[in-house]
Amino acid sequence: MSDDHTHVQEFFTPRAADWDSRFPDDAPAYATAVTELGLREGDRVLDAGCGTGRALPPLRDAVGPSGVVVGADLTPAMLEAAARAGRDRAGRLLLADVTALPLRSGSLDAVFAAGLVAHLPDPSRNLRELARVVRPGGALALFHPIGRAALAARQGRSVTPDDLRAEPNLRPLLAGSGWRMTSYVDEDARFLALAVREG
């Protein structure tokens, strides 16, 4: 396992058990972001870096019983917390590295990724991997239930110009990784960048 993976697991493992109770009011923001992803009945969607699976129920609602919902995460404790919360009923939980997904190319209609970008070891290459598993014209949502400035304040730091999620940085990063950004919102209540798979 790479140092990046070890760091991610070391960060999230001790936080998994009480993750949902630390952020109890996020559900509406997740539901709104899923709605804006534009999924349809029968679509196949991946929650990349799903954590405790908070996006899985709204994703299931969006794609219906004929759709496919997969939640992939690198940290076993997060997937265990998702299962304890019953979210495994909304989608299949998969212990997997989103930087090397065990999925066929073009097999998905969309990817939902909450809080993921900041944890990617090689964002350009890793976003290309997400593009690989999505059909041309499929969608990507990069989401966080609070905006960049609010998150920085929560963490006791300042927003810097080199922040990966700043629009001037994120737009070309996505473009170089097989995605075209179609929407960008960064406000206190949420961060949401939507993109379409090129090709």
Protein backbone atom coordinates (compact mmCIF):
# COMPACT_ATOMS: atom_id res chain seq x y z
CA MET A 1 0.00 0.00 0.00
CA SER A 2 1.34 3.45 -0.89
CA ASP A 3 2.09 6.09 1.73
CA ASP A 4 -0.85 8.11 0.37
CA HIS A 5 -3.22 5.22 0.97
CA THR A 6 -1.83 4.59 4.44
CA HIS A 7 -2.28 8.27 5.31
CA VAL A 8 -5.91 8.24 4.12
CA GLN A 9 -6.69 5.12 6.13
CA GLU A 10 -4.90 6.45 9.20
CA PHE A 11 -6.97 9.64 8.98
CA PHE A 12 -10.38 8.06 8.40
CA THR A 13 -10.24 4.81 10.40
CA PRO A 14 -10.45 6.37 13.89
CA ARG A 15 -13.12 8.84 12.68
CA ALA A 16 -15.42 6.31 11.03
CA ALA A 17 -17.51 5.31 14.05
CA ASP A 18 -18.72 8.84 14.83
CA TRP A 19 -18.41 10.43 11.37
CA ASP A 20 -22.16 10.77 10.80
CA SER A 21 -22.82 12.16 14.27
CA ARG A 22 -20.14 14.82 13.70
CA PHE A 23 -21.97 16.09 10.61
CA PRO A 24 -25.66 15.34 11.29
CA ASP A 25 -27.13 18.08 9.09
CA ASP A 26 -25.46 17.20 5.77
CA ALA A 27 -28.21 14.97 4.31
CA PRO A 28 -30.15 17.74 2.50
CA ALA A 29 -26.97 19.02 0.84
CA TYR A 30 -26.15 15.51 -0.37
CA ALA A 31 -29.67 15.05 -1.74
CA THR A 32 -29.56 18.38 -3.58
CA ALA A 33 -26.16 17.60 -5.11
CA VAL A 34 -27.37 14.19 -6.28
CA THR A 35 -30.40 15.84 -7.89
CA GLU A 36 -28.12 18.25 -9.77
CA LEU A 37 -26.10 15.31 -11.10
CA GLY A 38 -29.10 14.63 -13.37
CA LEU A 39 -29.34 10.87 -12.97
CA ARG A 40 -32.17 8.95 -14.63
CA GLU A 41 -34.03 5.77 -13.82
CA GLY A 42 -31.80 2.78 -14.63
CA ASP A 43 -28.50 4.68 -14.58
CA ARG A 44 -25.30 3.15 -13.17
CA VAL A 45 -23.50 5.39 -10.67
CA LEU A 46 -20.42 5.17 -8.47
CA ASP A 47 -20.02 7.00 -5.18
CA ALA A 48 -16.22 7.34 -5.27
CA GLY A 49 -14.72 7.55 -1.80
CA CYS A 50 -18.17 6.90 -0.35
CA GLY A 51 -17.12 6.97 3.30
CA THR A 52 -20.11 6.09 5.46
CA GLY A 53 -22.35 6.07 2.39
CA ARG A 54 -24.35 9.23 3.01
CA ALA A 55 -24.91 9.71 -0.72
CA LEU A 56 -26.07 6.14 -1.37
CA PRO A 57 -29.77 6.55 -0.42
CA PRO A 58 -30.32 9.64 -2.62
CA LEU A 59 -28.36 7.98 -5.43
CA ARG A 60 -30.62 4.91 -5.16
CA ASP A 61 -33.72 7.14 -5.18
CA ALA A 62 -32.41 8.85 -8.33
CA VAL A 63 -31.69 5.67 -10.33
CA GLY A 64 -34.56 3.60 -8.99
CA PRO A 65 -34.69 -0.16 -8.49
CA SER A 66 -33.44 -0.88 -12.02
CA GLY A 67 -30.31 1.25 -11.58
CA VAL A 68 -26.93 0.27 -10.18
CA VAL A 69 -25.35 2.06 -7.21
CA VAL A 70 -21.83 1.22 -6.03
CA GLY A 71 -20.05 2.85 -3.11
CA ALA A 72 -16.27 2.41 -3.19
CA ASP A 73 -13.92 3.36 -0.38
CA LEU A 74 -10.35 2.59 0.62
CA THR A 75 -11.03 2.45 4.37
CA PRO A 76 -12.73 -0.70 5.71
CA ALA A 77 -13.94 1.08 8.86
CA MET A 78 -15.87 3.59 6.76
CA LEU A 79 -17.60 0.80 4.82
CA GLU A 80 -18.40 -0.97 8.08
CA ALA A 81 -20.01 2.24 9.38
CA ALA A 82 -22.02 2.50 6.14
CA ALA A 83 -23.28 -1.06 6.61
CA ARG A 84 -24.17 -0.43 10.28
CA ALA A 85 -26.23 2.56 9.13
CA GLY A 86 -28.07 0.28 6.68
CA ARG A 87 -26.80 2.12 3.62
CA ASP A 88 -25.62 -1.12 2.05
CA ARG A 89 -29.31 -1.64 1.19
CA ALA A 90 -29.10 1.37 -1.15
CA GLY A 91 -25.98 0.24 -3.02
CA ARG A 92 -23.20 -2.32 -3.16
CA LEU A 93 -20.24 -1.47 -0.93
CA LEU A 94 -16.86 -2.11 -2.48
CA LEU A 95 -13.48 -1.99 -0.73
CA ALA A 96 -11.49 -0.43 -3.54
CA ASP A 97 -8.98 2.23 -4.42
CA VAL A 98 -10.69 4.85 -6.61
CA THR A 99 -7.34 5.50 -8.27
CA ALA A 100 -7.41 1.96 -9.75
CA LEU A 101 -11.03 0.86 -9.96
CA PRO A 102 -11.96 -2.78 -10.60
CA LEU A 103 -14.61 -1.65 -13.10
CA ARG A 104 -14.89 -1.94 -16.88
CA SER A 105 -14.16 1.11 -19.00
CA GLY A 106 -17.31 3.05 -19.87
CA SER A 107 -19.44 0.94 -17.55
CA LEU A 108 -20.97 3.85 -15.60
CA ASP A 109 -23.24 6.77 -16.36
CA ALA A 110 -21.96 8.97 -13.54
CA VAL A 111 -19.61 9.38 -10.60
CA PHE A 112 -20.44 11.21 -7.39
CA ALA A 113 -17.41 12.18 -5.29
CA ALA A 114 -17.88 13.92 -1.95
CA GLY A 115 -14.76 15.35 -0.36
CA LEU A 116 -12.56 13.19 -2.56
CA VAL A 117 -10.36 15.52 -4.60
CA ALA A 118 -8.26 16.73 -1.68
CA HIS A 119 -7.33 13.13 -0.84
CA LEU A 120 -6.23 12.04 -4.33
CA PRO A 121 -2.48 11.34 -4.52
CA ASP A 122 -2.23 12.32 -8.21
CA PRO A 123 -5.37 14.32 -9.05
CA SER A 124 -4.83 14.51 -12.81
CA ARG A 125 -4.18 10.79 -13.22
CA ASN A 126 -6.85 9.86 -10.67
CA LEU A 127 -9.54 11.97 -12.35
CA ARG A 128 -8.59 10.25 -15.62
CA GLU A 129 -9.31 6.94 -13.89
CA LEU A 130 -12.79 8.19 -12.97
CA ALA A 131 -13.24 9.28 -16.59
CA ARG A 132 -12.18 5.82 -17.77
CA VAL A 133 -15.08 4.10 -16.05
CA VAL A 134 -17.71 6.60 -17.28
CA ARG A 135 -19.25 6.51 -20.74
CA PRO A 136 -18.75 9.54 -23.02
CA GLY A 137 -21.36 12.13 -22.09
CA GLY A 138 -21.61 10.76 -18.54
CA ALA A 139 -21.39 13.02 -15.52
CA LEU A 140 -19.13 13.77 -12.57
CA ALA A 141 -20.07 15.64 -9.38
CA LEU A 142 -17.29 16.85 -7.10
CA PHE A 143 -19.10 17.80 -3.92
CA HIS A 144 -18.57 18.96 -0.37
CA PRO A 145 -21.41 19.84 2.03
CA ILE A 146 -19.71 23.14 2.88
CA GLY A 147 -17.75 25.54 0.69
CA ARG A 148 -13.99 25.99 0.54
CA ALA A 149 -13.84 29.02 2.84
CA ALA A 150 -16.12 27.45 5.46
CA LEU A 151 -14.13 24.22 5.36
CA ALA A 152 -10.84 26.09 5.73
CA ALA A 153 -12.24 28.01 8.72
CA ARG A 154 -13.43 24.75 10.31
CA GLN A 155 -9.90 23.36 9.91
CA GLY A 156 -8.25 26.54 11.24
CA ARG A 157 -6.54 27.51 8.01
CA SER A 158 -6.96 30.03 5.20
CA VAL A 159 -8.02 29.41 1.62
CA THR A 160 -4.99 29.73 -0.64
CA PRO A 161 -4.78 30.46 -4.37
CA ASP A 162 -3.23 27.03 -5.02
CA ASP A 163 -6.32 25.25 -3.60
CA LEU A 164 -7.08 22.46 -6.06
CA ARG A 165 -10.81 23.16 -5.83
CA ALA A 166 -10.51 26.84 -6.79
CA GLU A 167 -12.22 27.25 -10.15
CA PRO A 168 -9.11 28.54 -11.99
CA ASN A 169 -7.25 25.39 -10.87
CA LEU A 170 -10.05 22.85 -11.11
CA ARG A 171 -11.34 23.71 -14.58
CA PRO A 172 -8.03 22.98 -16.39
CA LEU A 173 -7.36 19.97 -14.16
CA LEU A 174 -10.68 18.45 -15.22
CA ALA A 175 -10.13 19.40 -18.87
CA GLY A 176 -6.77 17.64 -18.87
CA SER A 177 -8.35 14.55 -17.32
CA GLY A 178 -11.15 13.90 -19.82
CA TRP A 179 -13.85 16.10 -18.27
CA ARG A 180 -15.50 19.40 -19.25
CA MET A 181 -16.73 21.47 -16.31
CA THR A 182 -20.34 22.56 -16.81
CA SER A 183 -21.13 24.15 -13.44
CA TYR A 184 -19.24 25.48 -10.44
CA VAL A 185 -20.69 26.59 -7.09
CA ASP A 186 -18.58 27.50 -4.06
CA GLU A 187 -20.63 29.07 -1.28
CA ASP A 188 -20.69 28.64 2.49
CA ALA A 189 -23.42 26.01 2.33
CA ARG A 190 -21.82 23.79 -0.32
CA PHE A 191 -19.20 23.17 -2.96
CA LEU A 192 -20.34 21.51 -6.18
CA ALA A 193 -18.49 21.22 -9.49
CA LEU A 194 -20.27 19.32 -12.25
CA ALA A 195 -18.51 17.98 -15.32
CA VAL A 196 -19.28 15.92 -18.41
CA ARG A 197 -17.11 13.10 -19.74
CA GLU A 198 -15.55 14.15 -23.02
CA GLY A 199 -15.14 11.80 -25.94
